[in-house]
Amino acid sequence: MNPLEANALKKPRSTARMQAALAIVCACASVVLAGCGGGGGGGGGGGVALPIILPPTTAAPASSGNDDAIVASATVAGLCAAPRTGTNPETGTSYPDKAGSLTDEKRWVRGWINETYLWYGEVPTTLKAADYATPVAYFSVLKSPATTASGRAKDRFHYVYDTERYRQLSQNGVAPGYGMEFAFVRNSRPRDLRIAFTEPGSPAASAGIARGAKVLEVDGIDVIEGTNTTVINRGISPTTVGESHTFKLQEGSATRTVTLAAASITRTPVQNVKTIDTSSGRVGYLLFNDHITTSEAQLIDAVNQLKAGSGIQDLVLDMRYNGGGQLNIASRLATMVASPAATSGKTFERLVFNDKNPFNLTPAQAVIPFYGTSRSGTPLPTLGLSRVTVLVGPDTCSASESVINSLRGVDVQVNLVGGATCGKPYGFSPQDNCGTSYFAIQFQGVNAKDFGDYGDGFAPSCTVADDFDHALGDPAEARLAAALAIRNGGACPASASAKTLPGLEKPDAAAEQPYLLHRTPLREIRLLEAAPSPS
């Protein structure tokens, strides 16, 4: 199967070398994972340091004569086949890498999985390190083979990422691209590839490309029926700034060809903030695409805007394309939606680790509260709502699902409109070794009612297909229109529930909805933040 048909674009190869410490950000104690935004930057209302996995000053690889023997990860951490030199931009200090081998790196991976992976006891014991050429290849199989109730893989979220690139993404949401998000309405031939949205000020926006445009060709290759998926994938997934590709687009009844050069795209996670007047009161709307560090200030500004004037009676929170990010951002968003009476002193999410308690947390340290202040300590504005409508789909994942689950945990009514969410109640704190950031499931998040079993996602109360004929935030857009209709009439429009799109073939996702073509690990995760080593 080729990569386009499988919707499995290549993961970036790891080249940088960096060693970081871990910290859990909570009141006592975010996803890329992702994405949850970041890893690497900014505090989140206080921090409790996790044990730092570093080799002793005179560390040497554990020698057992058996490359498959599981050793303590600390004994081989930072022993690298290609040690990096120079200054770590994250810490301002020298990289701690020492001369080692790929065997050392694979031993670190196996030890770290055995220590911290949520389902370490389910990892097959027959896997041989020598059968895998690199630590990344070995890591990719060191996971649970179990399935969910629907038959999907329980662990669909193993990731690796180049550490330096991840640092830049997590802090600022910066990556090479055109500033347009691709979405497959149909992934098999005849394919239907659309533009889901564009980033303000990006090359795509400057070229006048908008939501709904259909991609007919990439660099002269037919997207609909073509078989040269290597060229198509290369075009839609640029890896370097300045890289140019040509797209033939269908926009309504017209077609045109445009050449775009990839730029460093800074994502604008909060967009289209507005109030909509209805016969039963004012409704707020905001599109929220990424739980990255920069989203905090934008969310605060959005809530203040919605509070201005006569305020709003309800909110439609559009997270259909939000794959997750920092849990501290998710917590603050939930706090701003609800009332202080509902959230003050309450648990946003409790983190359940494996039975080894790998990070030596007390029960209090494993609790992420509803944060009442920003990172700088300023009290957060609140909308004081007892109900909220969230627009969702298979790209709504991880930290976004935490917002839904945690609000329900304190009895805020959360209505879902769209498609089933991705189903990721799990998260991780990314760990560096030799320049690769490894993302492996380390905890499950449960709400104040101890619920966190949604591995198959949250089902919508009103199923509505994604509408590429209208802009996001347009009251006539199908999902938003259904949300407004429910508010006025209390029932899901029958036409909306019946509307489906045929032929959708994303593995492990709700088949009735389109889905985004590709995302970095940062954008489909629930993360605890990575932080510099505490002094």
Protein backbone atom coordinates (compact mmCIF):
# COMPACT_ATOMS: atom_id res chain seq x y z
CA MET A 1 0.00 0.00 0.00
CA ASN A 2 1.43 3.41 -0.91
CA PRO A 3 1.68 6.17 1.70
CA LEU A 4 -1.14 8.27 0.33
CA GLU A 5 -3.62 5.41 0.21
CA ALA A 6 -2.69 4.49 3.77
CA ASN A 7 -2.80 8.11 4.93
CA ALA A 8 0.57 7.46 6.53
CA LEU A 9 2.96 10.21 5.55
CA LYS A 10 6.56 9.77 6.53
CA LYS A 11 7.52 10.85 10.02
CA PRO A 12 10.45 13.29 10.09
CA ARG A 13 13.77 11.55 10.61
CA SER A 14 15.61 12.32 13.81
CA THR A 15 18.84 14.26 13.34
CA ALA A 16 19.27 16.64 16.25
CA ARG A 17 20.84 15.60 19.53
CA MET A 18 19.44 16.87 22.81
CA GLN A 19 18.87 15.67 26.38
CA ALA A 20 16.05 17.24 28.43
CA ALA A 21 14.60 16.74 31.85
CA LEU A 22 10.92 16.09 32.48
CA ALA A 23 8.47 18.10 34.51
CA ILE A 24 4.76 17.60 35.12
CA VAL A 25 2.85 20.84 35.07
CA CYS A 26 0.00 20.98 37.54
CA ALA A 27 -0.91 22.91 40.66
CA CYS A 28 1.00 20.43 42.76
CA ALA A 29 2.73 18.57 40.18
CA SER A 30 0.36 19.09 27.27
CA VAL A 31 0.01 16.57 24.19
CA VAL A 32 2.15 17.43 21.61
CA LEU A 33 1.59 15.56 22.90
CA ALA A 34 0.88 16.86 21.75
CA GLY A 35 -0.29 18.30 21.99
CA CYS A 36 -0.79 19.26 24.14
CA GLY A 37 1.56 23.07 22.99
CA GLY A 38 4.38 22.44 24.16
CA GLY A 39 6.98 20.93 25.65
CA GLY A 40 9.59 23.01 26.28
CA GLY A 41 8.48 26.24 27.21
CA GLY A 42 6.80 28.30 29.71
CA GLY A 43 5.56 27.24 33.08
CA GLY A 44 2.06 26.17 33.74
CA GLY A 45 1.05 27.24 37.18
CA GLY A 46 3.86 25.62 39.07
CA GLY A 47 5.83 22.47 38.45
CA VAL A 48 7.03 19.36 40.17
CA ALA A 49 10.15 17.89 38.68
CA LEU A 50 10.16 14.31 37.52
CA PRO A 51 13.31 12.26 37.93
CA ILE A 52 15.84 13.32 35.33
CA ILE A 53 17.01 10.42 33.23
CA LEU A 54 20.70 11.18 32.88
CA PRO A 55 23.72 8.90 32.98
CA PRO A 56 26.09 9.09 35.94
CA THR A 57 29.15 11.25 35.38
CA THR A 58 31.23 8.18 34.62
CA ALA A 59 28.42 6.20 33.08
CA ALA A 60 29.19 3.27 30.86
CA PRO A 61 26.76 0.96 29.09
CA ALA A 62 25.48 -1.85 31.22
CA SER A 63 27.19 -4.98 29.97
CA SER A 64 25.19 -8.13 30.30
CA GLY A 65 26.34 -9.86 27.14
CA ASN A 66 22.73 -9.74 25.98
CA ASP A 67 21.55 -6.81 23.87
CA ASP A 68 17.95 -7.66 24.75
CA ALA A 69 18.44 -7.55 28.50
CA ILE A 70 16.39 -4.71 29.97
CA VAL A 71 18.66 -2.26 31.79
CA ALA A 72 17.90 0.90 33.74
CA SER A 73 17.54 3.68 31.19
CA ALA A 74 19.70 5.97 33.34
CA THR A 75 22.72 3.76 32.76
CA VAL A 76 22.68 4.30 29.01
CA ALA A 77 20.96 7.68 28.65
CA GLY A 78 22.87 10.14 26.52
CA LEU A 79 25.20 7.52 25.06
CA CYS A 80 24.83 8.26 21.37
CA ALA A 81 26.04 6.88 18.09
CA ALA A 82 26.41 10.48 16.88
CA PRO A 83 26.80 12.67 19.97
CA ARG A 84 25.92 16.30 19.46
CA THR A 85 28.19 19.12 20.49
CA GLY A 86 27.50 22.77 21.16
CA THR A 87 24.86 24.57 23.18
CA ASN A 88 21.37 23.32 23.81
CA PRO A 89 19.05 26.25 22.93
CA GLU A 90 16.51 24.91 25.42
CA THR A 91 18.79 25.15 28.44
CA GLY A 92 21.65 27.37 27.35
CA THR A 93 24.11 24.69 28.45
CA SER A 94 26.18 22.14 26.60
CA TYR A 95 24.55 19.01 25.32
CA PRO A 96 25.24 16.06 27.66
CA ASP A 97 25.68 13.55 24.84
CA LYS A 98 28.60 11.14 25.11
CA ALA A 99 30.10 8.72 22.63
CA GLY A 100 28.07 5.52 22.44
CA SER A 101 26.40 3.27 19.90
CA LEU A 102 23.05 2.44 18.35
CA THR A 103 22.96 -0.53 20.72
CA ASP A 104 23.20 1.88 23.66
CA GLU A 105 20.37 3.96 22.21
CA LYS A 106 18.21 0.87 21.70
CA ARG A 107 18.92 -0.23 25.27
CA TRP A 108 17.82 3.19 26.49
CA VAL A 109 14.57 2.93 24.53
CA ARG A 110 13.80 -0.52 25.93
CA GLY A 111 14.61 0.51 29.50
CA TRP A 112 12.59 3.70 29.29
CA ILE A 113 9.57 1.82 27.91
CA ASN A 114 9.84 -0.75 30.69
CA GLU A 115 9.97 1.98 33.31
CA THR A 116 7.38 4.49 32.12
CA TYR A 117 5.05 2.97 29.48
CA LEU A 118 1.50 2.68 30.79
CA TRP A 119 1.11 -0.86 29.44
CA TYR A 120 4.73 -2.03 29.83
CA GLY A 121 3.52 -5.52 30.76
CA GLU A 122 1.75 -5.90 27.40
CA VAL A 123 4.85 -5.26 25.26
CA PRO A 124 5.76 -8.52 23.46
CA THR A 125 8.79 -10.18 25.03
CA THR A 126 9.88 -11.83 21.78
CA LEU A 127 11.12 -8.65 20.10
CA LYS A 128 14.85 -8.62 19.35
CA ALA A 129 16.73 -5.32 19.24
CA ALA A 130 19.09 -6.67 16.58
CA ASP A 131 16.16 -7.09 14.20
CA TYR A 132 15.72 -3.31 14.04
CA ALA A 133 18.29 -1.09 12.35
CA THR A 134 17.70 2.01 14.47
CA PRO A 135 16.40 2.94 17.93
CA VAL A 136 13.39 4.57 16.24
CA ALA A 137 12.50 1.38 14.38
CA TYR A 138 12.84 -0.60 17.61
CA PHE A 139 10.74 1.92 19.53
CA SER A 140 7.96 1.66 16.94
CA VAL A 141 7.19 -1.95 17.92
CA LEU A 142 7.62 -1.57 21.69
CA LYS A 143 3.95 -1.07 22.44
CA SER A 144 0.80 -2.91 23.43
CA PRO A 145 -0.84 -5.06 20.73
CA ALA A 146 -4.24 -4.89 22.50
CA THR A 147 -7.38 -3.50 20.86
CA THR A 148 -10.36 -1.41 21.96
CA ALA A 149 -13.95 -2.61 22.11
CA SER A 150 -14.44 -1.64 18.46
CA GLY A 151 -11.33 -3.54 17.37
CA ARG A 152 -9.03 -0.56 16.87
CA ALA A 153 -5.48 -0.67 18.19
CA LYS A 154 -5.43 0.54 21.79
CA ASP A 155 -2.11 2.28 21.26
CA ARG A 156 -2.31 4.20 18.00
CA PHE A 157 -0.18 7.04 19.28
CA HIS A 158 3.51 6.02 19.40
CA TYR A 159 5.55 8.93 18.01
CA VAL A 160 9.11 10.11 17.60
CA TYR A 161 10.20 13.57 16.56
CA ASP A 162 13.38 15.49 15.92
CA THR A 163 13.98 17.25 19.24
CA GLU A 164 14.99 20.66 17.96
CA ARG A 165 12.15 20.80 15.44
CA TYR A 166 9.75 19.69 18.14
CA ARG A 167 11.03 22.44 20.44
CA GLN A 168 10.30 25.08 17.82
CA LEU A 169 6.88 23.65 17.04
CA SER A 170 5.84 23.29 20.67
CA GLN A 171 6.83 26.78 21.70
CA ASN A 172 5.64 28.76 18.71
CA GLY A 173 3.73 26.45 16.37
CA VAL A 174 6.30 27.22 13.67
CA ALA A 175 6.89 24.75 10.83
CA PRO A 176 7.60 24.84 7.08
CA GLY A 177 4.39 24.94 5.07
CA TYR A 178 2.02 26.95 2.95
CA GLY A 179 -0.41 27.85 5.71
CA MET A 180 -3.22 25.68 4.37
CA GLU A 181 -4.56 22.59 6.09
CA PHE A 182 -5.37 19.66 3.81
CA ALA A 183 -8.32 17.37 4.48
CA PHE A 184 -9.33 14.19 2.72
CA VAL A 185 -13.03 13.85 2.01
CA ARG A 186 -12.15 10.65 0.19
CA ASN A 187 -8.75 8.98 0.45
CA SER A 188 -9.08 6.23 -2.18
CA ARG A 189 -9.51 6.84 -5.87
CA PRO A 190 -11.37 8.87 -6.96
CA ARG A 191 -9.84 10.98 -4.19
CA ASP A 192 -11.29 14.21 -2.89
CA LEU A 193 -8.66 16.43 -1.23
CA ARG A 194 -9.82 19.79 0.11
CA ILE A 195 -8.47 22.79 1.94
CA ALA A 196 -9.92 22.82 5.46
CA PHE A 197 -8.65 26.28 6.44
CA THR A 198 -5.75 28.65 5.95
CA GLU A 199 -3.54 30.56 8.35
CA PRO A 200 -3.76 34.37 8.25
CA GLY A 201 -0.87 36.01 6.43
CA SER A 202 0.40 32.72 5.02
CA PRO A 203 1.40 32.05 1.38
CA ALA A 204 -1.91 30.24 0.87
CA ALA A 205 -3.94 33.11 2.30
CA SER A 206 -1.97 35.65 0.25
CA ALA A 207 -2.77 33.59 -2.86
CA GLY A 208 -6.47 33.82 -2.04
CA ILE A 209 -6.88 30.12 -1.31
CA ALA A 210 -9.79 29.46 1.03
CA ARG A 211 -11.64 26.64 2.75
CA GLY A 212 -13.31 24.24 0.35
CA ALA A 213 -10.88 24.54 -2.56
CA LYS A 214 -10.41 21.10 -4.15
CA VAL A 215 -6.88 19.99 -5.05
CA LEU A 216 -6.92 18.49 -8.56
CA GLU A 217 -3.19 18.21 -9.26
CA VAL A 218 0.10 18.51 -7.38
CA ASP A 219 3.16 19.25 -9.53
CA GLY A 220 1.25 18.01 -12.56
CA ILE A 221 0.20 14.71 -10.97
CA ASP A 222 -3.50 13.93 -10.90
CA VAL A 223 -4.65 13.76 -7.27
CA ILE A 224 -8.03 12.23 -8.02
CA GLU A 225 -6.90 9.15 -9.97
CA GLY A 226 -3.10 9.38 -9.98
CA THR A 227 -0.77 6.65 -8.74
CA ASN A 228 2.41 8.69 -8.25
CA THR A 229 1.73 9.34 -4.59
CA THR A 230 5.40 10.10 -3.90
CA VAL A 231 5.14 13.35 -5.82
CA ILE A 232 1.77 14.19 -4.29
CA ASN A 233 3.01 13.55 -0.75
CA ARG A 234 6.14 15.61 -1.36
CA GLY A 235 4.06 18.52 -2.59
CA ILE A 236 1.54 18.61 0.20
CA SER A 237 4.16 18.03 2.92
CA PRO A 238 7.06 20.44 2.34
CA THR A 239 10.00 19.94 4.67
CA THR A 240 12.13 23.02 4.00
CA VAL A 241 11.49 26.74 3.77
CA GLY A 242 11.56 27.96 0.17
CA GLU A 243 10.52 24.62 -1.30
CA SER A 244 8.07 25.32 -4.15
CA HIS A 245 5.24 23.20 -5.53
CA THR A 246 2.43 23.79 -7.97
CA PHE A 247 -1.24 23.08 -7.27
CA LYS A 248 -4.19 22.98 -9.62
CA LEU A 249 -7.27 23.95 -7.64
CA GLN A 250 -10.99 23.85 -8.28
CA GLU A 251 -12.74 26.74 -6.56
CA GLY A 252 -16.46 26.58 -7.20
CA SER A 253 -16.89 26.20 -10.96
CA ALA A 254 -13.50 27.73 -11.75
CA THR A 255 -10.03 26.16 -11.82
CA ARG A 256 -6.63 27.78 -11.52
CA THR A 257 -3.00 26.80 -11.03
CA VAL A 258 -0.91 28.39 -8.31
CA THR A 259 2.72 27.88 -7.26
CA LEU A 260 3.44 28.22 -3.55
CA ALA A 261 6.77 28.42 -1.76
CA ALA A 262 6.87 26.95 1.73
CA ALA A 263 7.52 29.45 4.49
CA SER A 264 7.95 29.25 8.25
CA ILE A 265 4.31 29.16 9.24
CA THR A 266 3.34 30.44 12.66
CA ARG A 267 -0.03 29.01 13.54
CA THR A 268 -2.84 31.20 14.80
CA PRO A 269 -4.62 28.74 17.09
CA VAL A 270 -7.64 30.95 17.89
CA GLN A 271 -9.60 32.39 14.98
CA ASN A 272 -13.01 33.74 13.94
CA VAL A 273 -14.07 34.95 17.39
CA LYS A 274 -17.56 36.42 17.09
CA THR A 275 -21.00 36.75 18.60
CA ILE A 276 -24.09 35.61 16.74
CA ASP A 277 -27.48 37.12 17.52
CA THR A 278 -30.29 34.57 17.62
CA SER A 279 -33.96 34.81 18.55
CA SER A 280 -33.13 33.32 21.95
CA GLY A 281 -30.05 35.35 22.77
CA ARG A 282 -26.44 35.97 21.83
CA VAL A 283 -24.20 33.00 21.12
CA GLY A 284 -20.42 33.17 21.10
CA TYR A 285 -18.29 31.31 18.57
CA LEU A 286 -14.58 30.68 18.39
CA LEU A 287 -12.43 28.35 16.32
CA PHE A 288 -9.67 26.73 18.38
CA ASN A 289 -7.14 24.66 16.43
CA ASP A 290 -4.08 24.04 18.63
CA HIS A 291 -3.30 23.77 22.35
CA ILE A 292 0.10 25.39 21.91
CA THR A 293 1.83 27.88 24.18
CA THR A 294 0.78 30.94 22.17
CA SER A 295 -2.89 29.96 22.39
CA GLU A 296 -3.22 30.98 26.04
CA ALA A 297 -3.11 34.72 25.40
CA GLN A 298 -5.34 34.34 22.34
CA LEU A 299 -7.93 32.38 24.32
CA ILE A 300 -7.91 35.00 27.07
CA ASP A 301 -8.41 37.76 24.50
CA ALA A 302 -11.24 35.76 22.88
CA VAL A 303 -13.08 35.27 26.18
CA ASN A 304 -12.70 38.95 27.04
CA GLN A 305 -14.09 39.84 23.62
CA LEU A 306 -17.09 37.55 24.11
CA LYS A 307 -17.71 39.02 27.56
CA ALA A 308 -17.70 42.59 26.25
CA GLY A 309 -20.95 44.46 25.78
CA SER A 310 -24.02 42.49 26.73
CA GLY A 311 -22.08 39.21 26.84
CA ILE A 312 -23.27 35.84 25.57
CA GLN A 313 -25.72 33.25 26.80
CA ASP A 314 -24.07 30.24 25.11
CA LEU A 315 -20.83 29.29 23.41
CA VAL A 316 -20.06 27.19 20.34
CA LEU A 317 -16.47 26.02 20.67
CA ASP A 318 -15.21 24.75 17.32
CA MET A 319 -12.51 22.11 17.94
CA ARG A 320 -13.21 19.91 14.89
CA TYR A 321 -9.56 20.21 13.81
CA ASN A 322 -7.92 20.44 17.24
CA GLY A 323 -5.78 17.38 17.84
CA GLY A 324 -4.63 18.37 21.31
CA GLY A 325 -1.63 19.91 22.96
CA GLN A 326 -0.79 21.09 26.42
CA LEU A 327 -3.04 19.98 29.25
CA ASN A 328 -2.41 23.25 31.07
CA ILE A 329 -3.98 25.08 28.10
CA ALA A 330 -6.95 22.68 28.11
CA SER A 331 -7.46 23.26 31.82
CA ARG A 332 -7.41 27.03 31.45
CA LEU A 333 -9.83 26.91 28.53
CA ALA A 334 -12.28 24.81 30.55
CA THR A 335 -11.96 27.20 33.49
CA MET A 336 -12.77 30.18 31.26
CA VAL A 337 -15.84 28.44 29.80
CA ALA A 338 -17.40 27.49 33.14
CA SER A 339 -18.09 29.39 36.33
CA PRO A 340 -15.69 29.63 39.28
CA ALA A 341 -18.31 27.88 41.40
CA ALA A 342 -18.11 24.84 39.12
CA THR A 343 -14.34 24.64 38.80
CA SER A 344 -12.69 26.22 41.84
CA GLY A 345 -10.76 23.62 43.81
CA LYS A 346 -11.95 20.85 41.48
CA THR A 347 -9.98 18.26 39.53
CA PHE A 348 -9.61 18.95 35.83
CA GLU A 349 -7.85 15.69 35.18
CA ARG A 350 -6.18 13.03 37.30
CA LEU A 351 -3.26 11.21 35.74
CA VAL A 352 -3.16 7.43 36.16
CA PHE A 353 0.33 5.96 35.62
CA ASN A 354 1.54 2.37 35.59
CA ASP A 355 1.89 0.43 38.83
CA LYS A 356 5.58 1.37 39.11
CA ASN A 357 4.63 5.02 39.68
CA PRO A 358 7.56 5.83 37.38
CA PHE A 359 7.76 9.50 38.26
CA ASN A 360 7.29 9.00 42.01
CA LEU A 361 4.28 11.26 42.25
CA THR A 362 2.08 11.58 45.29
CA PRO A 363 -1.67 11.37 44.66
CA ALA A 364 -1.89 15.16 44.94
CA GLN A 365 0.86 15.65 42.38
CA ALA A 366 -1.00 13.48 39.86
CA VAL A 367 -3.94 15.90 39.84
CA ILE A 368 -4.20 18.72 37.31
CA PRO A 369 -6.66 21.30 38.66
CA PHE A 370 -8.81 23.77 36.82
CA TYR A 371 -6.24 26.56 36.69
CA GLY A 372 -7.74 29.88 37.73
CA THR A 373 -4.83 32.03 36.61
CA SER A 374 -2.69 32.46 33.54
CA ARG A 375 0.94 31.41 33.46
CA SER A 376 1.85 34.89 34.65
CA GLY A 377 -0.51 34.59 37.62
CA THR A 378 -3.24 36.90 36.30
CA PRO A 379 -6.81 35.75 37.13
CA LEU A 380 -8.52 34.25 34.10
CA PRO A 381 -11.74 35.76 32.72
CA THR A 382 -14.71 33.39 32.81
CA LEU A 383 -17.90 33.11 30.78
CA GLY A 384 -19.77 31.42 33.64
CA LEU A 385 -21.63 28.99 31.38
CA SER A 386 -23.40 25.87 32.57
CA ARG A 387 -23.48 24.43 29.06
CA VAL A 388 -21.36 24.61 25.92
CA THR A 389 -21.65 23.15 22.43
CA VAL A 390 -18.47 21.74 20.92
CA LEU A 391 -18.09 21.10 17.19
CA VAL A 392 -16.09 17.89 16.83
CA GLY A 393 -14.88 15.21 14.44
CA PRO A 394 -12.22 12.50 14.14
CA ASP A 395 -9.51 15.18 14.31
CA THR A 396 -10.73 16.28 17.74
CA CYS A 397 -8.25 14.46 19.90
CA SER A 398 -6.49 14.12 23.23
CA ALA A 399 -6.30 17.45 25.10
CA SER A 400 -9.43 18.58 23.23
CA GLU A 401 -11.21 15.49 24.50
CA SER A 402 -9.92 16.38 27.98
CA VAL A 403 -11.82 19.67 27.77
CA ILE A 404 -15.02 17.77 27.01
CA ASN A 405 -14.49 15.05 29.60
CA SER A 406 -13.35 17.35 32.38
CA LEU A 407 -16.21 19.83 31.97
CA ARG A 408 -18.62 16.91 32.14
CA GLY A 409 -16.80 15.81 35.28
CA VAL A 410 -17.97 18.99 37.06
CA ASP A 411 -21.51 18.79 35.61
CA VAL A 412 -21.17 21.35 32.84
CA GLN A 413 -23.45 20.21 30.00
CA VAL A 414 -21.35 19.58 26.89
CA ASN A 415 -23.26 19.00 23.66
CA LEU A 416 -21.31 17.57 20.73
CA VAL A 417 -22.13 18.29 17.09
CA GLY A 418 -20.28 16.74 14.15
CA GLY A 419 -18.56 13.36 14.13
CA ALA A 420 -17.09 11.00 16.71
CA THR A 421 -13.86 12.21 18.29
CA CYS A 422 -10.56 10.34 17.87
CA GLY A 423 -10.53 8.50 21.23
CA LYS A 424 -7.32 9.32 23.07
CA PRO A 425 -7.66 9.50 26.86
CA TYR A 426 -3.91 8.97 27.11
CA GLY A 427 -0.84 11.16 27.13
CA PHE A 428 2.85 11.41 27.64
CA SER A 429 5.71 13.65 28.60
CA PRO A 430 8.16 13.58 25.69
CA GLN A 431 11.65 12.39 26.51
CA ASP A 432 14.82 13.24 24.66
CA ASN A 433 17.63 10.86 24.04
CA CYS A 434 20.39 11.62 21.56
CA GLY A 435 18.31 14.21 19.71
CA THR A 436 15.15 12.17 19.26
CA SER A 437 12.08 13.04 21.30
CA TYR A 438 10.16 9.87 22.10
CA PHE A 439 6.42 9.95 22.77
CA ALA A 440 5.03 6.82 24.41
CA ILE A 441 1.80 6.54 26.37
CA GLN A 442 2.59 7.07 30.04
CA PHE A 443 -0.72 7.93 31.62
CA GLN A 444 -4.47 7.87 31.26
CA GLY A 445 -6.47 10.95 32.17
CA VAL A 446 -9.69 10.66 34.16
CA ASN A 447 -12.05 13.45 35.17
CA ALA A 448 -13.41 14.42 38.59
CA LYS A 449 -15.85 11.51 38.35
CA ASP A 450 -12.99 9.09 37.57
CA PHE A 451 -14.17 8.58 33.99
CA GLY A 452 -11.61 8.23 31.23
CA ASP A 453 -12.59 5.20 29.18
CA TYR A 454 -13.22 6.64 25.74
CA GLY A 455 -10.70 4.83 23.59
CA ASP A 456 -13.26 4.77 20.78
CA GLY A 457 -14.01 8.48 21.11
CA PHE A 458 -17.01 10.55 22.16
CA ALA A 459 -20.06 10.14 19.94
CA PRO A 460 -21.85 13.34 18.92
CA SER A 461 -25.40 13.99 20.04
CA CYS A 462 -25.99 15.38 16.55
CA THR A 463 -24.09 13.90 13.60
CA VAL A 464 -23.33 16.48 10.91
CA ALA A 465 -20.92 16.09 8.00
CA ASP A 466 -18.17 18.67 7.62
CA ASP A 467 -19.32 21.42 5.29
CA PHE A 468 -16.62 22.66 2.91
CA ASP A 469 -19.02 24.97 1.06
CA HIS A 470 -19.04 27.54 3.86
CA ALA A 471 -16.37 29.32 5.85
CA LEU A 472 -15.72 28.26 9.42
CA GLY A 473 -17.74 30.53 11.67
CA ASP A 474 -20.39 31.21 9.03
CA PRO A 475 -23.78 30.64 10.72
CA ALA A 476 -24.82 28.79 7.55
CA GLU A 477 -21.96 26.25 7.88
CA ALA A 478 -23.64 22.91 8.53
CA ARG A 479 -22.20 22.08 11.95
CA LEU A 480 -22.57 25.58 13.34
CA ALA A 481 -26.05 25.88 11.84
CA ALA A 482 -27.05 22.62 13.56
CA ALA A 483 -25.64 23.85 16.87
CA LEU A 484 -27.66 27.06 16.61
CA ALA A 485 -30.79 25.12 15.64
CA ILE A 486 -30.38 22.81 18.64
CA ARG A 487 -30.11 25.82 20.90
CA ASN A 488 -33.32 27.28 19.54
CA GLY A 489 -35.32 24.09 19.14
CA GLY A 490 -33.62 21.52 21.29
CA ALA A 491 -33.40 18.87 18.56
CA CYS A 492 -30.82 17.87 15.97
CA PRO A 493 -32.07 18.74 12.49
CA ALA A 494 -33.04 15.51 10.74
CA SER A 495 -31.38 16.61 7.53
CA ALA A 496 -28.11 17.15 9.38
CA SER A 497 -28.16 13.75 11.04
CA ALA A 498 -28.89 12.03 7.76
CA LYS A 499 -26.18 13.84 5.80
CA THR A 500 -23.10 11.65 5.38
CA LEU A 501 -20.22 11.48 2.99
CA PRO A 502 -19.44 8.13 1.33
CA GLY A 503 -16.11 6.48 0.84
CA LEU A 504 -14.18 7.82 3.82
CA GLU A 505 -11.43 5.42 4.68
CA LYS A 506 -9.28 6.84 7.46
CA PRO A 507 -8.10 3.95 9.60
CA ASP A 508 -9.27 4.12 13.19
CA ALA A 509 -11.61 7.09 12.70
CA ALA A 510 -15.29 7.79 12.29
CA ALA A 511 -16.03 6.85 8.71
CA GLU A 512 -18.72 9.46 8.13
CA GLN A 513 -16.42 12.48 8.44
CA PRO A 514 -13.51 13.97 6.48
CA TYR A 515 -10.19 14.14 8.28
CA LEU A 516 -7.01 16.14 8.12
CA LEU A 517 -4.30 14.69 5.95
CA HIS A 518 -1.29 15.04 8.19
CA ARG A 519 -0.25 16.52 11.49
CA THR A 520 2.90 16.66 13.55
CA PRO A 521 2.92 14.72 16.82
CA LEU A 522 2.47 18.08 18.50
CA ARG A 523 -1.00 18.35 17.06
CA GLU A 524 -2.57 15.02 17.96
CA ILE A 525 -1.60 14.55 21.56
CA ARG A 526 -2.11 15.20 25.26
CA LEU A 527 1.17 16.42 26.68
CA LEU A 528 2.79 17.12 29.95
CA GLU A 529 5.34 19.81 29.36
CA ALA A 530 9.01 19.13 29.06
CA ALA A 531 11.19 21.55 30.99
CA PRO A 532 14.84 22.33 31.66
CA SER A 533 16.56 20.43 34.41
CA PRO A 534 15.77 21.93 37.83
CA SER A 535 18.69 23.32 39.69
